[in-house]
Every structure is written in C-alpha cells, then in structure tokens.
Protein backbone atom coordinates (compact mmCIF):
# COMPACT_ATOMS: atom_id res chain seq x y z
CA SER A 1 3.56 -86.47 59.27
CA SER A 2 7.25 -86.48 58.12
CA LEU A 3 7.42 -82.95 59.19
CA GLY A 4 6.11 -83.87 62.77
CA LEU A 5 2.37 -82.59 62.30
CA SER A 6 -0.42 -84.13 63.53
CA SER A 7 -3.38 -85.20 61.19
CA ALA A 8 -5.43 -82.17 62.26
CA GLN A 9 -2.73 -79.72 61.72
CA HIS A 10 -1.78 -81.33 58.63
CA ASN A 11 -5.64 -81.08 57.00
CA ARG A 12 -5.77 -77.19 58.26
CA ALA A 13 -2.61 -76.46 56.21
CA ALA A 14 -4.29 -78.33 53.30
CA ASP A 15 -7.43 -76.41 53.71
CA ARG A 16 -5.24 -73.22 53.68
CA LEU A 17 -3.35 -74.08 50.82
CA PRO A 18 -5.97 -73.33 47.69
CA ARG A 19 -6.88 -70.05 49.40
CA LEU A 20 -3.24 -68.86 49.03
CA VAL A 21 -3.19 -70.26 45.49
CA SER A 22 -6.11 -68.39 44.81
CA ASN A 23 -5.10 -65.10 46.33
CA ASN A 24 -1.68 -65.36 44.53
CA MET A 25 -3.28 -65.83 41.13
CA ALA A 26 -5.82 -63.23 41.58
CA GLU A 27 -3.42 -60.18 42.46
CA PRO A 28 -1.66 -60.72 39.03
CA ALA A 29 -5.01 -60.90 37.01
CA ALA A 30 -6.13 -57.35 39.05
CA LYS A 31 -2.89 -55.75 38.25
CA LYS A 32 -3.18 -57.16 34.24
CA ALA A 33 -6.73 -55.49 34.45
CA LYS A 34 -5.28 -52.37 35.85
CA ILE A 35 -2.29 -52.16 33.22
CA GLU A 36 -4.96 -52.56 30.46
CA GLU A 37 -6.98 -49.79 31.74
CA ALA A 38 -4.52 -47.49 32.29
CA PRO A 39 -3.69 -47.06 28.25
CA LYS A 40 -7.31 -46.45 27.37
CA ALA A 41 -7.84 -43.98 30.35
CA GLU A 42 -4.62 -42.16 28.59
CA ALA A 43 -6.09 -42.33 25.30
CA VAL A 44 -9.52 -41.30 26.28
CA GLU A 45 -7.84 -38.37 28.24
CA GLU A 46 -5.90 -37.38 24.98
CA THR A 47 -8.87 -37.65 22.72
CA GLU A 48 -10.85 -35.37 25.26
CA ALA A 49 -7.76 -32.84 25.06
CA LYS A 50 -7.57 -32.76 21.47
CA ASP A 51 -11.40 -31.66 21.45
CA ALA A 52 -11.22 -29.26 23.41
CA GLU A 53 -8.02 -27.92 22.06
CA MET A 54 -10.07 -27.87 18.25
CA ALA A 55 -12.96 -26.11 20.10
CA GLU A 56 -11.25 -23.56 21.60
CA GLN A 57 -9.51 -22.69 17.98
CA PRO A 58 -11.44 -20.08 16.17
CA LYS A 59 -13.58 -21.81 13.47
CA GLU A 60 -12.73 -20.29 9.98
CA PRO A 61 -15.16 -17.93 8.32
CA GLU A 62 -17.91 -19.23 6.04
CA VAL A 63 -17.10 -18.51 2.63
CA PRO A 64 -20.14 -16.31 1.07
CA GLU A 65 -22.35 -17.84 -1.52
CA GLU A 66 -21.41 -16.41 -4.83
CA LYS A 67 -23.82 -14.09 -6.19
CA GLU A 68 -22.34 -13.66 -9.63
CA GLU A 69 -24.36 -15.75 -12.26
CA ASP A 70 -23.82 -17.12 -15.55
CA ALA A 71 -23.82 -14.48 -18.45
CA LYS A 72 -27.03 -14.28 -20.09
CA PRO A 73 -27.06 -14.85 -24.03
CA ASP A 74 -26.64 -11.60 -25.46
CA LYS A 75 -26.97 -11.11 -29.34
CA SER A 76 -26.85 -7.53 -29.67
CA GLN A 77 -24.17 -5.88 -31.85
CA LYS A 78 -20.55 -6.17 -30.43
CA ILE A 79 -17.93 -3.27 -30.64
CA LYS A 80 -15.91 -3.54 -33.67
CA GLU A 81 -12.53 -2.43 -32.25
CA THR A 82 -9.74 -3.96 -30.81
CA VAL A 83 -9.37 -3.15 -27.13
CA ALA A 84 -5.62 -1.68 -26.65
CA PHE A 85 -3.66 1.07 -25.02
CA ASN A 86 -3.69 4.31 -26.84
CA THR A 87 0.01 5.73 -26.97
CA GLN A 88 -1.05 9.18 -25.35
CA ASP A 89 -2.80 7.15 -22.68
CA THR A 90 0.13 5.79 -21.25
CA THR A 91 3.53 7.23 -19.46
CA MET A 92 6.66 7.74 -21.70
CA ASN A 93 7.95 5.10 -19.83
CA VAL A 94 5.88 2.29 -21.01
CA MET A 95 6.98 -0.26 -24.12
CA GLU A 96 4.68 -2.56 -25.84
CA SER A 97 5.44 -5.48 -27.79
CA ALA A 98 4.71 -5.62 -31.40
CA TYR A 99 2.69 -9.25 -30.31
CA GLY A 100 1.80 -10.98 -27.26
CA ASN A 101 0.00 -8.01 -25.54
CA ILE A 102 2.97 -7.39 -23.04
CA LEU A 103 3.81 -4.10 -21.55
CA MET A 104 7.24 -3.51 -19.85
CA PRO A 105 8.74 -0.06 -18.52
CA LEU A 106 12.09 1.31 -19.12
CA THR A 107 14.40 1.13 -16.51
CA ASP A 108 17.56 2.56 -17.67
CA GLY A 109 19.22 5.64 -16.52
CA GLY A 110 17.12 6.15 -13.40
CA MET A 111 13.73 5.10 -14.83
CA GLN A 112 13.48 2.00 -12.52
CA PHE A 113 12.49 4.57 -9.68
CA LEU A 114 9.65 5.89 -11.74
CA LEU A 115 5.94 4.05 -11.85
CA ALA A 116 4.74 3.37 -15.56
CA GLY A 117 0.78 3.87 -15.97
CA ALA A 118 -1.50 2.77 -19.06
CA ARG A 119 -5.20 3.06 -19.54
CA ALA A 120 -7.20 1.16 -22.41
CA ASN A 121 -9.12 2.74 -24.75
CA THR A 122 -12.15 0.88 -24.20
CA GLY A 123 -14.59 2.08 -21.09
CA LEU A 124 -17.78 0.26 -20.05
CA LYS A 125 -20.84 2.20 -18.62
CA SER A 126 -22.99 -0.60 -18.15
CA GLY A 127 -23.11 -4.64 -18.20
CA ARG A 128 -20.31 -6.79 -16.38
CA TYR A 129 -17.19 -7.66 -18.07
CA SER A 130 -13.70 -8.84 -16.92
CA PHE A 131 -10.21 -8.91 -17.96
CA GLU A 132 -6.84 -10.48 -17.15
CA LEU A 133 -3.61 -9.71 -16.23
CA LYS A 134 -0.28 -11.91 -15.53
CA VAL A 135 2.96 -10.64 -14.17
CA MET A 136 5.33 -12.60 -16.60
CA GLU A 137 8.78 -11.14 -15.01
CA LEU A 138 10.15 -8.96 -12.11
CA MET A 139 13.15 -6.86 -12.69
CA ASN A 140 15.79 -6.95 -10.16
CA HIS A 141 18.41 -3.78 -10.76
CA ALA A 142 21.55 -2.88 -9.28
CA GLU A 143 20.32 -0.87 -6.38
CA ASP A 144 21.60 2.50 -5.24
CA PRO A 145 22.36 2.45 -1.63
CA ALA A 146 21.43 6.13 -1.68
CA ALA A 147 17.63 4.91 -2.95
CA ARG A 148 16.80 2.36 -0.51
CA ASN A 149 15.42 4.70 1.90
CA ARG A 150 13.89 7.33 -0.79
CA THR A 151 12.16 5.34 -2.85
CA PRO A 152 8.98 3.17 -1.78
CA MET A 153 8.57 -0.60 -1.40
CA PRO A 154 8.34 -2.98 -2.92
CA ARG A 155 10.54 -2.34 -5.67
CA SER A 156 8.25 -4.18 -8.06
CA GLN A 157 4.88 -3.25 -8.25
CA LEU A 158 1.57 -3.51 -9.76
CA ARG A 159 -1.82 -1.83 -9.44
CA VAL A 160 -4.75 -2.76 -11.48
CA GLY A 161 -8.30 -1.55 -11.61
CA PHE A 162 -10.50 0.95 -13.46
CA ALA A 163 -10.25 4.73 -13.79
CA THR A 164 -12.32 7.50 -15.97
CA GLU A 165 -11.64 9.23 -19.31
CA GLY A 166 -8.51 11.59 -18.79
CA SER A 167 -7.63 10.45 -15.33
CA SER A 168 -4.30 10.21 -13.69
CA LEU A 169 -2.36 7.20 -14.96
CA PHE A 170 -1.26 6.52 -11.67
CA ILE A 171 -4.39 4.72 -10.42
CA GLY A 172 -5.54 4.97 -6.86
CA ASP A 173 -3.90 8.18 -5.96
CA THR A 174 -7.53 10.19 -7.12
CA GLU A 175 -10.70 10.15 -6.59
CA ASP A 176 -11.48 9.17 -10.32
CA SER A 177 -9.68 5.61 -9.99
CA VAL A 178 -10.00 2.66 -8.28
CA CYS A 179 -7.52 -0.25 -8.07
CA PHE A 180 -6.16 -3.64 -6.21
CA ASP A 181 -2.47 -3.91 -5.77
CA THR A 182 0.13 -7.19 -5.44
CA GLU A 183 -0.37 -6.78 -1.58
CA GLY A 184 -4.08 -7.42 -1.46
CA ASN A 185 -4.98 -3.67 -0.94
CA PHE A 186 -7.92 -1.80 -2.31
CA LEU A 187 -6.70 1.65 -3.04
CA HIS A 188 -8.97 4.99 -3.91
CA ASN A 189 -7.76 8.49 -3.37
CA LYS A 190 -4.81 7.32 -1.29
CA THR A 191 -7.33 5.73 0.76
CA LYS A 192 -6.04 1.83 1.43
CA THR A 193 -8.01 -1.13 2.91
CA THR A 194 -7.18 -4.71 2.52
CA PRO A 195 -9.87 -6.75 1.43
CA SER A 196 -8.23 -9.49 -0.99
CA LYS A 197 -5.67 -12.05 -1.00
CA SER A 198 -2.14 -11.24 -2.38
CA PHE A 199 -1.02 -12.11 -6.08
CA GLY A 200 2.39 -12.37 -8.09
CA PRO A 201 4.22 -13.70 -10.91
CA ASP A 202 2.96 -16.48 -12.87
CA GLU A 203 -0.62 -15.81 -11.55
CA VAL A 204 -3.40 -15.20 -13.58
CA VAL A 205 -5.62 -12.41 -12.19
CA THR A 206 -8.97 -11.33 -13.40
CA VAL A 207 -10.61 -8.17 -12.66
CA LEU A 208 -14.39 -8.48 -12.91
CA LEU A 209 -16.80 -4.72 -12.98
CA ASN A 210 -20.54 -5.32 -12.46
CA LEU A 211 -22.42 -2.32 -13.81
CA ASP A 212 -25.44 -4.59 -14.04
CA LYS A 213 -28.16 -2.50 -12.41
CA SER A 214 -30.13 -6.05 -12.31
CA SER A 215 -27.37 -7.87 -10.28
CA PRO A 216 -26.99 -8.37 -6.58
CA ASN A 217 -23.57 -7.05 -7.01
CA ALA A 218 -24.20 -4.00 -8.92
CA ASP A 219 -21.65 -1.34 -8.90
CA THR A 220 -18.55 -3.57 -7.49
CA ILE A 221 -15.55 -4.58 -8.74
CA SER A 222 -14.15 -7.84 -7.61
CA LEU A 223 -10.76 -9.62 -7.84
CA PHE A 224 -10.06 -13.51 -8.99
CA LYS A 225 -6.57 -15.40 -8.85
CA ASN A 226 -6.18 -18.34 -11.10
CA GLY A 227 -9.91 -18.58 -11.45
CA GLU A 228 -11.02 -18.30 -7.76
CA ARG A 229 -12.36 -15.82 -5.97
CA ILE A 230 -9.81 -14.03 -3.40
CA CYS A 231 -11.92 -10.66 -2.65
CA GLN A 232 -15.45 -10.33 -2.14
CA PRO A 233 -17.00 -7.92 -4.33
CA GLN A 234 -16.06 -3.90 -3.25
CA GLU A 235 -18.57 -1.03 -3.95
CA LEU A 236 -17.39 1.55 -6.09
CA PRO A 237 -16.93 5.00 -4.43
CA ASP A 238 -19.71 7.50 -5.26
CA SER A 239 -17.23 9.64 -7.41
CA LEU A 240 -17.04 6.94 -10.05
CA LYS A 241 -20.95 5.69 -10.26
CA GLY A 242 -22.56 6.13 -13.46
CA LYS A 243 -19.21 7.23 -15.13
CA THR A 244 -17.77 5.39 -18.06
CA LEU A 245 -14.94 3.39 -16.97
CA TYR A 246 -11.62 2.11 -18.33
CA PRO A 247 -9.18 -0.60 -17.37
CA ALA A 248 -6.25 0.56 -16.05
CA LEU A 249 -2.59 -0.16 -14.14
CA THR A 250 -0.12 1.29 -12.77
CA PHE A 251 3.51 -0.74 -12.52
CA LYS A 252 6.95 -0.67 -11.85
CA ASN A 253 9.79 -2.77 -12.81
CA LEU A 254 7.89 -5.94 -13.91
CA THR A 255 6.63 -7.14 -17.21
CA VAL A 256 2.99 -7.77 -17.63
CA HIS A 257 0.78 -9.52 -20.07
CA TYR A 258 -2.87 -8.47 -20.49
CA ASN A 259 -5.55 -10.30 -21.89
CA PHE A 260 -9.18 -8.33 -23.05
CA GLY A 261 -10.48 -11.25 -24.58
CA ASN A 262 -12.29 -13.26 -26.19
CA THR A 263 -11.12 -16.46 -24.13
CA PRO A 264 -10.12 -16.21 -20.71
CA MET A 265 -6.94 -17.87 -19.82
CA LYS A 266 -8.49 -18.96 -16.91
CA SER A 267 -12.23 -19.70 -16.05
CA LEU A 268 -14.10 -17.93 -13.47
CA PRO A 269 -17.17 -20.44 -11.42
CA PHE A 270 -19.43 -18.83 -13.51
CA THR A 271 -19.17 -17.57 -17.30
CA CYS A 272 -18.72 -13.89 -17.80
CA ARG A 273 -18.11 -12.18 -21.01
CA MET A 274 -14.79 -10.44 -21.16
CA LEU A 275 -13.82 -6.70 -22.58
CA GLY A 276 -13.16 -7.59 -25.87
CA GLU A 277 -16.61 -9.15 -26.72
CA ALA A 278 -18.49 -6.33 -24.96
CA SER A 279 -21.79 -5.13 -26.36
CA ALA A 280 -21.68 -1.55 -28.13
CA LYS A 281 -24.12 -0.40 -25.88
CA ASP A 282 -22.36 -0.97 -22.68
CA ALA A 283 -19.33 0.23 -23.91
CA SER A 284 -17.33 3.72 -25.28
CA VAL A 285 -14.14 3.49 -27.47
CA LEU A 286 -11.77 6.28 -27.80
CA THR A 287 -10.73 6.01 -31.27
CA ILE A 288 -7.67 7.85 -32.62
CA SER A 289 -6.59 8.42 -36.42
CA LYS A 290 -3.31 6.87 -37.10
CA ASP A 291 -3.10 9.48 -39.74
CA ALA A 292 -3.46 12.48 -37.57
CA ALA A 293 -0.11 14.24 -37.65
CA LYS A 294 1.79 14.58 -34.63
CA GLU A 295 3.61 17.85 -33.53
CA VAL A 296 6.22 19.00 -31.04
CA ILE A 297 5.84 22.86 -30.02
CA PHE A 298 8.88 24.80 -28.63
CA PRO A 299 7.41 28.00 -26.50
CA VAL A 300 9.35 31.25 -27.02
CA CYS A 301 8.76 33.56 -24.12
CA LEU A 302 10.43 35.39 -21.39
CA PRO A 303 11.21 34.01 -18.06
CA ASP A 304 8.90 34.53 -15.01
CA GLU A 305 6.23 36.15 -17.66
CA GLY A 306 3.55 33.72 -17.20
CA THR A 307 5.41 31.03 -19.09
CA PHE A 308 4.18 28.08 -16.87
CA ASP A 309 0.66 29.30 -16.46
CA TRP A 310 0.19 29.46 -20.36
CA LEU A 311 1.51 25.98 -20.51
CA ASP A 312 -0.48 24.90 -17.81
CA MET A 313 -3.75 26.25 -19.48
CA PHE A 314 -2.35 24.64 -23.02
CA LEU A 315 -2.50 21.35 -21.39
CA GLU A 316 -5.80 21.81 -19.62
CA LYS A 317 -7.25 22.37 -22.95
CA ASN A 318 -4.82 19.70 -25.10
CA PRO A 319 -4.65 17.29 -22.62
CA HIS A 320 -3.33 14.67 -25.22
CA TYR A 321 0.07 16.73 -25.33
CA THR A 322 3.02 15.68 -23.28
CA GLU A 323 4.69 18.26 -21.13
CA LEU A 324 8.74 17.72 -21.56
CA SER A 325 10.47 19.69 -19.06
CA ASP A 326 12.68 19.05 -15.63
CA ARG A 327 9.23 20.46 -13.92
CA ALA A 328 7.31 17.24 -15.37
CA ILE A 329 9.89 15.10 -14.15
CA LEU A 330 9.86 16.26 -10.59
CA ALA A 331 6.02 16.04 -10.83
CA TRP A 332 6.49 12.13 -12.14
CA ALA A 333 8.67 11.34 -9.23
CA GLU A 334 6.50 13.04 -6.63
CA LYS A 335 3.57 10.52 -7.70
CA SER A 336 5.97 7.65 -8.00
CA GLY A 337 6.29 8.20 -3.97
CA ILE A 338 10.40 9.30 -4.10
CA ASN A 339 11.24 10.95 -1.27
CA ARG A 340 12.76 14.63 -1.77
CA PRO A 341 14.71 16.21 1.14
CA LYS A 342 13.27 19.79 0.09
CA GLY A 343 10.04 18.62 -0.54
CA TYR A 344 8.07 19.19 -3.73
CA GLY A 345 6.66 22.70 -2.97
CA PRO A 346 7.21 25.74 -5.07
CA ALA A 347 9.51 27.32 -2.17
CA SER A 348 11.85 23.75 -3.06
CA ARG A 349 12.65 25.02 -6.43
CA SER A 350 15.23 27.92 -6.86
CA SER A 351 13.82 27.89 -10.70
CA ASN A 352 10.71 26.68 -12.83
CA ASP A 353 12.92 26.21 -16.09
CA LYS A 354 15.76 24.27 -14.71
CA PRO A 355 14.69 23.23 -10.77
CA GLU A 356 17.60 21.15 -9.12
CA MET A 357 16.77 17.43 -8.61
CA GLY A 358 17.97 17.24 -5.05
CA PHE A 359 16.74 13.39 -4.58
CA GLY A 360 20.36 12.53 -3.50
CA ILE A 361 20.17 9.56 -5.64
CA ASN A 362 22.85 9.74 -8.52
CA LEU A 363 20.80 8.26 -11.46
CA ILE A 364 18.11 11.08 -11.12
CA ASP A 365 20.18 14.12 -9.72
CA ASP A 366 22.82 13.60 -12.86
CA GLN A 367 20.06 14.36 -15.21
CA SER A 368 19.91 10.31 -16.80
CA ILE A 369 16.16 10.52 -16.75
CA ARG A 370 16.05 13.80 -18.88
CA ARG A 371 18.65 12.00 -21.36
CA VAL A 372 16.53 8.70 -21.64
CA LEU A 373 13.19 10.81 -22.33
CA GLN A 374 14.84 12.96 -25.08
CA ALA A 375 16.04 9.68 -26.77
CA VAL A 376 12.55 7.90 -26.54
CA ALA A 377 10.47 10.93 -27.18
CA PRO A 378 10.82 11.27 -31.07
CA LEU A 379 10.16 7.55 -31.46
CA GLN A 380 6.88 7.81 -29.73
CA GLN A 381 3.44 8.68 -31.60
CA ARG A 382 2.58 11.41 -29.38
CA SER A 383 2.37 15.20 -29.54
CA TYR A 384 4.59 17.35 -27.26
CA VAL A 385 5.39 20.63 -25.71
CA VAL A 386 8.99 21.09 -24.93
CA MET A 387 9.22 23.63 -22.25
CA GLU A 388 12.83 24.73 -22.11
CA VAL A 389 12.55 28.25 -21.63
CA LYS A 390 16.17 29.64 -21.94
CA SER A 391 16.97 27.10 -24.76
CA ASN A 392 13.98 28.18 -26.56
CA LEU A 393 14.58 31.60 -26.41
CA LEU A 394 18.28 31.66 -27.86
CA ALA A 395 18.55 30.79 -31.48
CA GLU A 396 21.49 28.32 -30.90
CA GLY A 397 19.50 26.56 -28.20
CA ARG A 398 16.65 26.19 -30.64
CA THR A 399 18.40 25.04 -32.96
CA GLU A 400 19.94 22.25 -30.75
CA LEU A 401 16.77 21.24 -29.67
CA VAL A 402 15.14 20.95 -33.13
CA SER A 403 18.20 18.67 -34.20
CA ARG A 404 16.95 15.98 -32.09
CA TRP A 405 13.66 15.35 -33.77
CA SER A 406 15.18 15.46 -37.28
CA THR A 407 14.60 11.73 -37.94
CA SER A 408 11.08 11.91 -36.30
CA THR A 409 7.86 12.61 -38.40
CA HIS A 410 6.84 15.30 -35.89
CA LYS A 411 5.50 18.46 -37.18
CA LYS A 412 8.12 21.26 -35.37
CA VAL A 413 5.88 24.42 -34.46
CA ALA A 414 7.74 27.48 -32.37
CA THR A 415 4.92 29.39 -30.53
CA VAL A 416 5.77 32.83 -29.31
CA ILE A 417 4.09 33.74 -26.09
CA MET A 418 5.02 37.80 -25.64
CA GLY A 419 3.11 40.74 -25.99
CA ASP A 420 -0.01 41.89 -24.27
CA PRO A 421 -2.02 38.73 -23.11
CA PRO A 422 -5.57 37.94 -23.68
CA ALA A 423 -8.55 38.63 -21.18
CA ALA A 424 -8.88 34.88 -20.44
CA PHE A 425 -5.16 34.50 -19.64
CA LYS A 426 -4.87 37.34 -17.58
CA LYS A 427 -7.91 35.99 -15.91
CA LYS A 428 -6.35 32.63 -15.50
CA SER A 429 -3.20 33.80 -14.22
CA GLN A 430 -4.98 35.75 -11.45
CA GLU A 431 -6.78 32.86 -10.68
CA PHE A 432 -3.58 30.76 -10.23
CA THR A 433 -1.91 33.40 -8.20
CA LEU A 434 -4.46 33.83 -5.90
CA ALA A 435 -4.87 29.99 -5.50
CA ALA A 436 -1.01 29.92 -4.69
CA LYS A 437 -1.24 32.71 -2.38
CA GLN A 438 -4.50 30.75 -0.71
CA LYS A 439 -2.33 27.78 -0.33
CA ALA A 440 0.78 29.57 0.89
CA SER A 441 -1.53 30.98 3.43
CA ASP A 442 -3.33 27.66 4.30
CA ASP A 443 0.11 26.20 4.62
CA GLU A 444 1.22 29.19 7.04
CA PHE A 445 -1.86 28.71 8.99
CA LYS A 446 -1.65 24.80 9.50
CA ALA A 447 2.39 25.52 10.14
CA LYS A 448 1.11 27.59 12.94
CA LEU A 449 -1.62 25.12 14.29
CA GLU A 450 0.77 22.55 14.18
CA GLU A 451 3.54 24.46 16.06
CA ALA A 452 1.03 25.43 18.52
CA ARG A 453 -0.28 21.80 19.11
CA ARG A 454 3.47 21.03 19.41
CA ARG A 455 4.06 23.56 21.94
CA LYS A 456 1.15 22.46 23.97
CA ALA A 457 2.16 18.73 23.82
CA LEU A 458 5.38 20.14 25.32
CA GLU A 459 4.36 22.01 28.09
CA LYS A 460 1.93 19.17 29.15
CA LYS A 461 4.94 16.71 28.94
CA GLN A 462 6.98 18.89 30.96
CA LYS A 463 4.19 19.52 33.59
CA GLN A 464 4.03 15.87 33.47
CA LEU A 465 7.59 15.14 34.07
CA GLU A 466 8.08 17.90 36.86
CA LYS A 467 5.16 16.35 38.62
CA GLU A 468 6.78 12.98 38.54
CA LYS A 469 9.96 14.67 39.70
CA GLN A 470 8.09 16.16 42.66
CA LYS A 471 6.54 12.75 43.58
CA ALA A 472 10.00 11.08 43.35
CA LEU A 473 11.70 13.78 45.49
CA LYS A 474 8.73 13.22 48.10
CA VAL A 475 9.30 9.58 47.97
CA GLN A 476 13.04 9.84 48.37
CA LYS A 477 12.55 12.32 51.33
CA LYS A 478 10.35 9.83 53.10
CA GLN A 479 12.66 7.13 52.49
CA MET A 480 15.71 9.21 53.99
CA GLN A 481 13.66 10.47 57.28
CA GLN A 482 12.47 6.62 57.55
CA MET A 483 16.45 5.63 57.36
CA LYS A 484 17.48 8.24 59.57
CA LYS A 485 14.73 7.42 62.28
CA ASN A 486 16.17 3.52 62.00
CA MET A 487 19.52 4.78 62.27
CA GLU A 488 18.90 6.31 65.82
CA ILE A 489 16.87 3.45 66.87
CA GLU A 490 19.76 1.46 66.30
CA LYS A 491 22.25 3.91 68.02
CA LYS A 492 19.97 3.82 71.40
CA LYS A 493 19.78 0.27 71.28
CA ARG A 494 23.32 0.07 71.20
CA GLU A 495 23.53 2.59 74.04
CA ALA A 496 20.99 0.63 76.17
CA ALA A 497 22.56 -2.40 75.73
CA ALA A 498 25.69 -0.74 76.93
CA LYS A 499 24.20 0.41 80.29
CA GLY A 500 22.51 -3.31 80.68
CA GLU A 501 19.10 -1.89 80.03
CA GLU A 502 16.47 -3.05 77.71
CA TYR A 503 15.66 -0.51 74.83
CA LYS A 504 12.35 0.71 74.83
CA PRO A 505 10.77 2.46 71.93
CA GLU A 506 9.80 6.18 72.53
CA GLU A 507 6.05 5.48 72.68
CA GLU A 508 6.21 3.02 75.45
CA GLU A 509 8.23 5.64 77.54
CA GLU A 510 6.00 8.40 76.87
CA GLU A 511 3.41 6.29 77.79
CA LYS A 512 5.28 4.98 80.93
CA LYS A 513 6.00 8.88 81.94
CA GLU A 514 2.41 9.29 81.52
CA GLU A 515 1.15 6.36 83.95
CA GLU A 516 3.95 8.10 86.32
CA ASP A 517 2.57 11.66 86.24
C-alpha cells in the first residue's frame, strides 16, 4: 500500500512471486544437469571411438600350437666321439680356441672381406637333435672407402644350419645345404625367404633338426632364440631329405661360441637331446687319425699343358687337400660376394697361374691375402697343393717355396706332370674343354637373347615416345587453332564496336543470310 498499490494488485503480485522464484531456481538446475551430462556424453563418444579404432586394427596372428614334444627316454648306445670341427672341414681363415668352443676368423691383410666356413664332424641321419650358438663379439675394422660398394652387407655375418658331407663350406649357396642368417632369412641354393625373426650378439640361438619320421614336424629345421621359437618349422628341401646332415656355419667379422651338448645354455619349451648325446644309430661321425701324415705337394709342369685340369681332377679324388693359388683366392672372393669389375669368368683372367686381382680394393689387390695364407698354411694340420706353375718349374722358385715349410711337419712332395697323359686324363680334359666351349656358347646365346630383348624394348619405347610426341603435337596444334580463332573474334568485336554495331558470331550471320535468301 506504500507503493500506491491496491489490495487486489498487491495480491496478484504476491501470487506471481513464487512462480518467478520457482522459474529462476529451475533454470540453474537444468543448466547443471546439462553440464553434468556433457562430460558423460563425451566419455561415451571417446570410448566408442577407441573401440572402433581397436576394431579397425588388425589382430596379431595367433601363435600356432607347438607340435614338438618332450624327448622320450633313450637307452640305446650314444656316440663316443666328441662333436667338433675337423681342420680340413674349415676354411683357412678359421681359428679355433683351445678351450671354450670358440671360433673366430682371421681379419688382417684383407681377410676381413672373406667369409669363413666350418662343418662339424658329426652328422644326423635320423632322430631329433639340437645345437646352440652365441655371437660373442662383432669385429669393426677400419674400412677401405673403395670396398664399401664392392663388399656385401652387413659387414658382420652369420649363417647357421646343416649341410651334407663334402659340401661347400659356404652354406645356403648350393643345393646341398640349408641355413638361417642373422637377418631372419632362410637360405637354400641361393634362394631366400624370411620366415624368422632376426638374432644378434649375446643371444643364444638354438637350431633344431627333426628327422624323426613319427613326428608331425618330420624333415624340418627350426630356430629358437633364448629358448623361444622365432621360426615355425621349415621343411627340408628334397635334395637334403634322406641324407646325413652335418651342423655347419658360415661367418665373417665376428666371434662365435658353439655348444653341441650335453647341457643347453637355454632350455626349450620341450626337452630335446643335443647333438653331443646323439644315439649311435642316429648319427655318423667322420674320424681323422691325428697321427696321419700331412703333406704339401708341389706340381712341376709346363704352362697351359693341362696343369689346372690335372689339379681339378686331383682335388675331385682327394677333397681333403687344400689348393694354394691365386686362382683359389679369386674363387674364395667370388663365394664371399665381393664385386670384381671384370667378373670372374675365364675371359677376365690374363693368366691362370698369376691372374690379376683387379678388385679396386688395396688390401686385396696388393696380395696381402696371399701373404697371410702363406704364413698360416704351415701351422694348420691339413694337406695342401701349392699350385705355382712358374715357381715350381724353376729350381730357385721351388727352393724358395719349400723354405717356407721348413719348420712344419708336413711331408714335401714334388709331383712331375709331363709326358704322355693317361687315357683317363685325356678323357677328363676333353670333357673340361667341351664344357668350357658349351658354357661359352651358352653365354653367347644368352647375350644375344638379352641384346635382342634390349633392342626390342628400346624400339617399343621409341614407338611409344613417338606416339606421345604426335599426340602432344596434335593437342598443341588444336590449341593454336583455338587461340587464333579467339584472336579473330576479338578483332571482329573491336571492328564492330568501332562502327557502333553489335558483334554477331559467324553462325548467327550465316543463319541471318539464309533467312534473307
């Protein structure tokens, strides 16, 4: 009433006040509910987005069930010999420790570019057995810049697997061996797949060979790292099935420890006997008498009179002899993957006796490898053939060569290869000559085919370029015509504007003329 309101107006204002208060209170409550619901909605959306993202991500493949089972008790007689490496089954750059089962390669004077190889004396013909390796040290040498593009990578390499008796010591390159390398590749006859994870220094690698016909993994080879499988069983190639297989490794610029048994460094998910405790019925051991005399042969012969044919025949019959010659160094470099600009074929050599190295790598071209081998050879218990045609033929040369073996226990033998050769040699020599001619003919035929393919591809490319050129000229001509037409239209527009007339396109003018006619 103090505001001049009547009692009726005062009552209506009093009735409206609770509703205003109620509305003012309801609005903050609704805002609060919306604020609380917003984070919940965002959380739900974020969860749904994560679920969708996880659903889009490919699922990791399921690990196949392990089919290898624990080894059954075997009371049969075990092999009595120690599993080891015979000197003649290693390359000349392999040095074995007196204790600790360690192999290391020579790395001085260019030897760091050459692969080293070793094959054990005990092979498997049945059963399931394993052996272990561990890289102890990687060797990093001062690198010749010229060698970077001519030597294979990586600088330190290791291949481990199995090979047949008498096979190449560079495993994985021929059909008589199979192996894994540090990159996880599986190699056979220079064919490579990558079924395994990689391995490196300070990791125990177990190689398992399963020749048990009753096993689901029969005729397979597997790889484990630190006791865990890193490769599913790989089937042996047909060329190796049914043959006695010997553990073998090829390596470069690293030191490796081997363990043939009987106690593993790392246990597998199942029990498996190691090679050192193989049953006699499952294994074959190559024994060499330590008392057997080692000899070094100096062939005396005339140049280019079947000298190296005789050597090839001799080594075929006597594989335990090692050839010492420049030819052998070239063959070793080729198997080590070193690039030689001239290639390795017979045509790339000016001489079989003293072929030039020609690698463009100082430590190889300066005959450093030859000097290292000459120093090492008398210290190793193996037999040799020193194929130095010129030096062996001359008295002073023979004297100088023999003097290098004065402190060794090797028996020195001079073999004179002159006169009328036997029928077997003539036949073999003719086969070598025929094979060389056939290879030369095949190479020439392949070269002609390659040249024909190259020429055909070049002609096809030239035709395609000519076609594209004509097409481009056609488009360019069309563009020029259109540009000329546009310029004429602009000119006519300007002329019409100067006369105060409206420009009409030629089509309209023609239609107008037709109507007038």
